[in-house]
Amino acid sequence: MIAEVEFLVLDEDQLEGGCSLYDIEMSIESNQDYFSFFERSDGIVVTKFDVERRLNNIKSFIYSQVRIKASGRKFQRYR
């Protein structure tokens, strides 16, 4: 899912140059305009909303996996 977001926003040159999901998230956080967008060199425009929706899907997936792992553990009180 992370690679899908990276390929959506970044082009091949940026990926080879070392740009990653971290760079995408930092640019979203630094620009508070809700109507902002990413424009790739090939002319494709991706809105901030599209990227944030995909990032929320990744976060939801991670949280669900953590809940599954945590539900199988039992904690005991130390005495």
N, C-alpha and C. Protein backbone atom coordinates (compact mmCIF):
# COMPACT_ATOMS: atom_id res chain seq x y z
N MET A 1 0.81 -1.19 0.00
CA MET A 1 0.00 0.00 0.00
C MET A 1 0.86 1.26 0.00
N ILE A 2 2.01 1.18 0.66
CA ILE A 2 2.91 2.34 0.70
C ILE A 2 3.46 2.62 -0.69
N ALA A 3 3.85 1.56 -1.39
CA ALA A 3 4.38 1.74 -2.74
C ALA A 3 3.33 2.32 -3.68
N GLU A 4 2.06 1.97 -3.46
CA GLU A 4 0.97 2.50 -4.28
C GLU A 4 0.88 4.02 -4.14
N VAL A 5 1.01 4.52 -2.92
CA VAL A 5 0.96 5.97 -2.69
C VAL A 5 2.18 6.64 -3.30
N GLU A 6 3.34 6.02 -3.15
CA GLU A 6 4.57 6.59 -3.73
C GLU A 6 4.48 6.67 -5.25
N PHE A 7 3.98 5.61 -5.89
CA PHE A 7 3.86 5.62 -7.35
C PHE A 7 2.78 6.59 -7.83
N LEU A 8 1.78 6.83 -6.98
CA LEU A 8 0.72 7.75 -7.33
C LEU A 8 1.23 9.19 -7.42
N VAL A 9 2.10 9.58 -6.51
CA VAL A 9 2.55 10.96 -6.40
C VAL A 9 3.89 11.21 -7.09
N LEU A 10 4.83 10.30 -6.90
CA LEU A 10 6.19 10.52 -7.38
C LEU A 10 6.41 9.85 -8.73
N ASP A 11 7.27 10.44 -9.54
CA ASP A 11 7.64 9.80 -10.80
C ASP A 11 8.93 9.01 -10.62
N GLU A 12 9.37 8.35 -11.65
CA GLU A 12 10.53 7.45 -11.56
C GLU A 12 11.81 8.18 -11.12
N ASP A 13 12.03 9.38 -11.64
CA ASP A 13 13.24 10.13 -11.29
C ASP A 13 13.26 10.49 -9.80
N GLN A 14 12.12 10.87 -9.26
CA GLN A 14 12.06 11.22 -7.85
C GLN A 14 12.25 9.99 -6.97
N LEU A 15 11.70 8.86 -7.38
CA LEU A 15 11.88 7.63 -6.61
C LEU A 15 13.33 7.19 -6.61
N GLU A 16 13.98 7.29 -7.77
CA GLU A 16 15.40 6.92 -7.85
C GLU A 16 16.27 7.91 -7.09
N GLY A 17 15.81 9.14 -6.96
CA GLY A 17 16.55 10.17 -6.23
C GLY A 17 16.43 10.04 -4.73
N GLY A 18 15.59 9.14 -4.25
CA GLY A 18 15.49 8.91 -2.82
C GLY A 18 14.24 9.46 -2.15
N CYS A 19 13.33 10.03 -2.91
CA CYS A 19 12.09 10.51 -2.32
C CYS A 19 11.24 9.32 -1.88
N SER A 20 10.47 9.52 -0.82
CA SER A 20 9.69 8.41 -0.28
C SER A 20 8.37 8.92 0.30
N LEU A 21 7.66 8.03 0.97
CA LEU A 21 6.40 8.38 1.61
C LEU A 21 6.61 9.46 2.67
N TYR A 22 7.74 9.43 3.33
CA TYR A 22 8.05 10.46 4.33
C TYR A 22 8.01 11.85 3.70
N ASP A 23 8.59 12.02 2.54
CA ASP A 23 8.60 13.31 1.85
C ASP A 23 7.17 13.75 1.47
N ILE A 24 6.36 12.80 1.08
CA ILE A 24 4.98 13.10 0.72
C ILE A 24 4.22 13.58 1.96
N GLU A 25 4.38 12.88 3.07
CA GLU A 25 3.69 13.27 4.29
C GLU A 25 4.15 14.63 4.81
N MET A 26 5.44 14.91 4.71
CA MET A 26 5.95 16.20 5.17
C MET A 26 5.43 17.34 4.31
N SER A 27 5.29 17.11 3.02
CA SER A 27 4.75 18.18 2.16
C SER A 27 3.26 18.40 2.43
N ILE A 28 2.54 17.35 2.78
CA ILE A 28 1.13 17.51 3.13
C ILE A 28 0.99 18.29 4.44
N GLU A 29 1.82 17.96 5.42
CA GLU A 29 1.75 18.64 6.72
C GLU A 29 2.18 20.10 6.63
N SER A 30 3.11 20.41 5.76
CA SER A 30 3.60 21.78 5.68
C SER A 30 2.66 22.70 4.90
N ASN A 31 1.77 22.13 4.10
CA ASN A 31 0.82 22.93 3.32
C ASN A 31 -0.58 22.68 3.87
N GLN A 32 -1.12 23.66 4.56
CA GLN A 32 -2.43 23.50 5.20
C GLN A 32 -3.61 23.73 4.26
N ASP A 33 -3.35 24.14 3.03
CA ASP A 33 -4.43 24.39 2.07
C ASP A 33 -5.09 23.07 1.69
N TYR A 34 -6.40 22.97 1.94
CA TYR A 34 -7.13 21.73 1.67
C TYR A 34 -7.22 21.43 0.18
N PHE A 35 -7.18 22.45 -0.65
CA PHE A 35 -7.33 22.25 -2.09
C PHE A 35 -5.99 22.11 -2.82
N SER A 36 -4.92 21.88 -2.08
CA SER A 36 -3.62 21.74 -2.73
C SER A 36 -3.54 20.38 -3.44
N PHE A 37 -2.57 20.27 -4.32
CA PHE A 37 -2.42 19.04 -5.10
C PHE A 37 -0.97 18.84 -5.48
N PHE A 38 -0.68 17.62 -5.90
CA PHE A 38 0.63 17.26 -6.45
C PHE A 38 0.49 17.18 -7.96
N GLU A 39 1.47 17.73 -8.67
CA GLU A 39 1.47 17.60 -10.12
C GLU A 39 2.77 16.94 -10.54
N ARG A 40 2.64 15.77 -11.16
CA ARG A 40 3.82 15.05 -11.60
C ARG A 40 4.33 15.64 -12.91
N SER A 41 5.53 15.25 -13.28
CA SER A 41 6.14 15.78 -14.51
C SER A 41 5.40 15.31 -15.76
N ASP A 42 4.66 14.20 -15.67
CA ASP A 42 3.91 13.73 -16.82
C ASP A 42 2.50 14.33 -16.91
N GLY A 43 2.19 15.31 -16.03
CA GLY A 43 0.94 16.03 -16.11
C GLY A 43 -0.19 15.50 -15.25
N ILE A 44 0.03 14.40 -14.57
CA ILE A 44 -1.00 13.83 -13.70
C ILE A 44 -1.11 14.67 -12.43
N VAL A 45 -2.35 15.02 -12.08
CA VAL A 45 -2.61 15.82 -10.88
C VAL A 45 -3.28 14.93 -9.84
N VAL A 46 -2.72 14.92 -8.64
CA VAL A 46 -3.24 14.13 -7.52
C VAL A 46 -3.55 15.09 -6.39
N THR A 47 -4.80 15.09 -5.93
CA THR A 47 -5.19 16.02 -4.88
C THR A 47 -4.70 15.55 -3.51
N LYS A 48 -4.62 16.49 -2.62
CA LYS A 48 -4.21 16.19 -1.24
C LYS A 48 -5.20 15.23 -0.59
N PHE A 49 -6.47 15.39 -0.91
CA PHE A 49 -7.50 14.52 -0.36
C PHE A 49 -7.28 13.06 -0.77
N ASP A 50 -6.93 12.82 -2.03
CA ASP A 50 -6.68 11.45 -2.49
C ASP A 50 -5.52 10.81 -1.73
N VAL A 51 -4.48 11.57 -1.52
CA VAL A 51 -3.31 11.04 -0.80
C VAL A 51 -3.66 10.77 0.66
N GLU A 52 -4.34 11.71 1.31
CA GLU A 52 -4.70 11.52 2.71
C GLU A 52 -5.64 10.34 2.90
N ARG A 53 -6.54 10.12 1.97
CA ARG A 53 -7.45 8.97 2.06
C ARG A 53 -6.66 7.66 2.00
N ARG A 54 -5.69 7.58 1.12
CA ARG A 54 -4.88 6.36 1.03
C ARG A 54 -3.99 6.19 2.27
N LEU A 55 -3.48 7.30 2.81
CA LEU A 55 -2.70 7.21 4.04
C LEU A 55 -3.56 6.75 5.21
N ASN A 56 -4.79 7.19 5.27
CA ASN A 56 -5.70 6.72 6.32
C ASN A 56 -6.00 5.24 6.18
N ASN A 57 -6.09 4.73 4.96
CA ASN A 57 -6.28 3.29 4.75
C ASN A 57 -5.09 2.51 5.28
N ILE A 58 -3.88 3.02 5.08
CA ILE A 58 -2.68 2.36 5.60
C ILE A 58 -2.70 2.35 7.12
N LYS A 59 -3.03 3.49 7.73
CA LYS A 59 -3.09 3.57 9.19
C LYS A 59 -4.14 2.63 9.76
N SER A 60 -5.29 2.55 9.13
CA SER A 60 -6.36 1.66 9.59
C SER A 60 -5.92 0.20 9.51
N PHE A 61 -5.22 -0.15 8.44
CA PHE A 61 -4.71 -1.52 8.30
C PHE A 61 -3.72 -1.85 9.41
N ILE A 62 -2.81 -0.93 9.70
CA ILE A 62 -1.82 -1.16 10.75
C ILE A 62 -2.50 -1.31 12.11
N TYR A 63 -3.45 -0.42 12.41
CA TYR A 63 -4.16 -0.50 13.69
C TYR A 63 -4.93 -1.80 13.82
N SER A 64 -5.54 -2.28 12.74
CA SER A 64 -6.27 -3.53 12.81
C SER A 64 -5.33 -4.71 13.06
N GLN A 65 -4.14 -4.67 12.47
CA GLN A 65 -3.17 -5.73 12.72
C GLN A 65 -2.68 -5.71 14.16
N VAL A 66 -2.49 -4.52 14.72
CA VAL A 66 -2.08 -4.41 16.11
C VAL A 66 -3.17 -4.94 17.04
N ARG A 67 -4.42 -4.62 16.74
CA ARG A 67 -5.53 -5.12 17.56
C ARG A 67 -5.61 -6.64 17.53
N ILE A 68 -5.38 -7.22 16.36
CA ILE A 68 -5.41 -8.69 16.25
C ILE A 68 -4.32 -9.31 17.11
N LYS A 69 -3.11 -8.75 17.05
CA LYS A 69 -2.01 -9.27 17.85
C LYS A 69 -2.25 -9.07 19.34
N ALA A 70 -2.79 -7.91 19.71
CA ALA A 70 -2.99 -7.60 21.13
C ALA A 70 -4.14 -8.40 21.73
N SER A 71 -5.11 -8.80 20.93
CA SER A 71 -6.25 -9.54 21.49
C SER A 71 -5.84 -10.94 21.95
N GLY A 72 -4.77 -11.48 21.42
CA GLY A 72 -4.32 -12.81 21.81
C GLY A 72 -3.42 -12.82 23.03
N ARG A 73 -3.05 -11.67 23.52
CA ARG A 73 -2.17 -11.60 24.69
C ARG A 73 -2.97 -11.36 25.95
N LYS A 74 -2.54 -12.00 27.02
CA LYS A 74 -3.20 -11.79 28.31
C LYS A 74 -2.18 -11.19 29.26
N PHE A 75 -2.61 -10.18 29.94
CA PHE A 75 -1.74 -9.49 30.89
C PHE A 75 -2.13 -9.88 32.30
N GLN A 76 -1.12 -10.06 33.13
CA GLN A 76 -1.37 -10.39 34.53
C GLN A 76 -0.77 -9.32 35.40
N ARG A 77 -1.38 -9.16 36.52
CA ARG A 77 -0.90 -8.17 37.47
C ARG A 77 0.31 -8.74 38.21
N TYR A 78 1.34 -7.93 38.31
CA TYR A 78 2.55 -8.37 39.00
C TYR A 78 2.34 -8.18 40.50
N ARG A 79 2.64 -9.21 41.26
CA ARG A 79 2.49 -9.12 42.72
C ARG A 79 3.78 -9.40 43.40
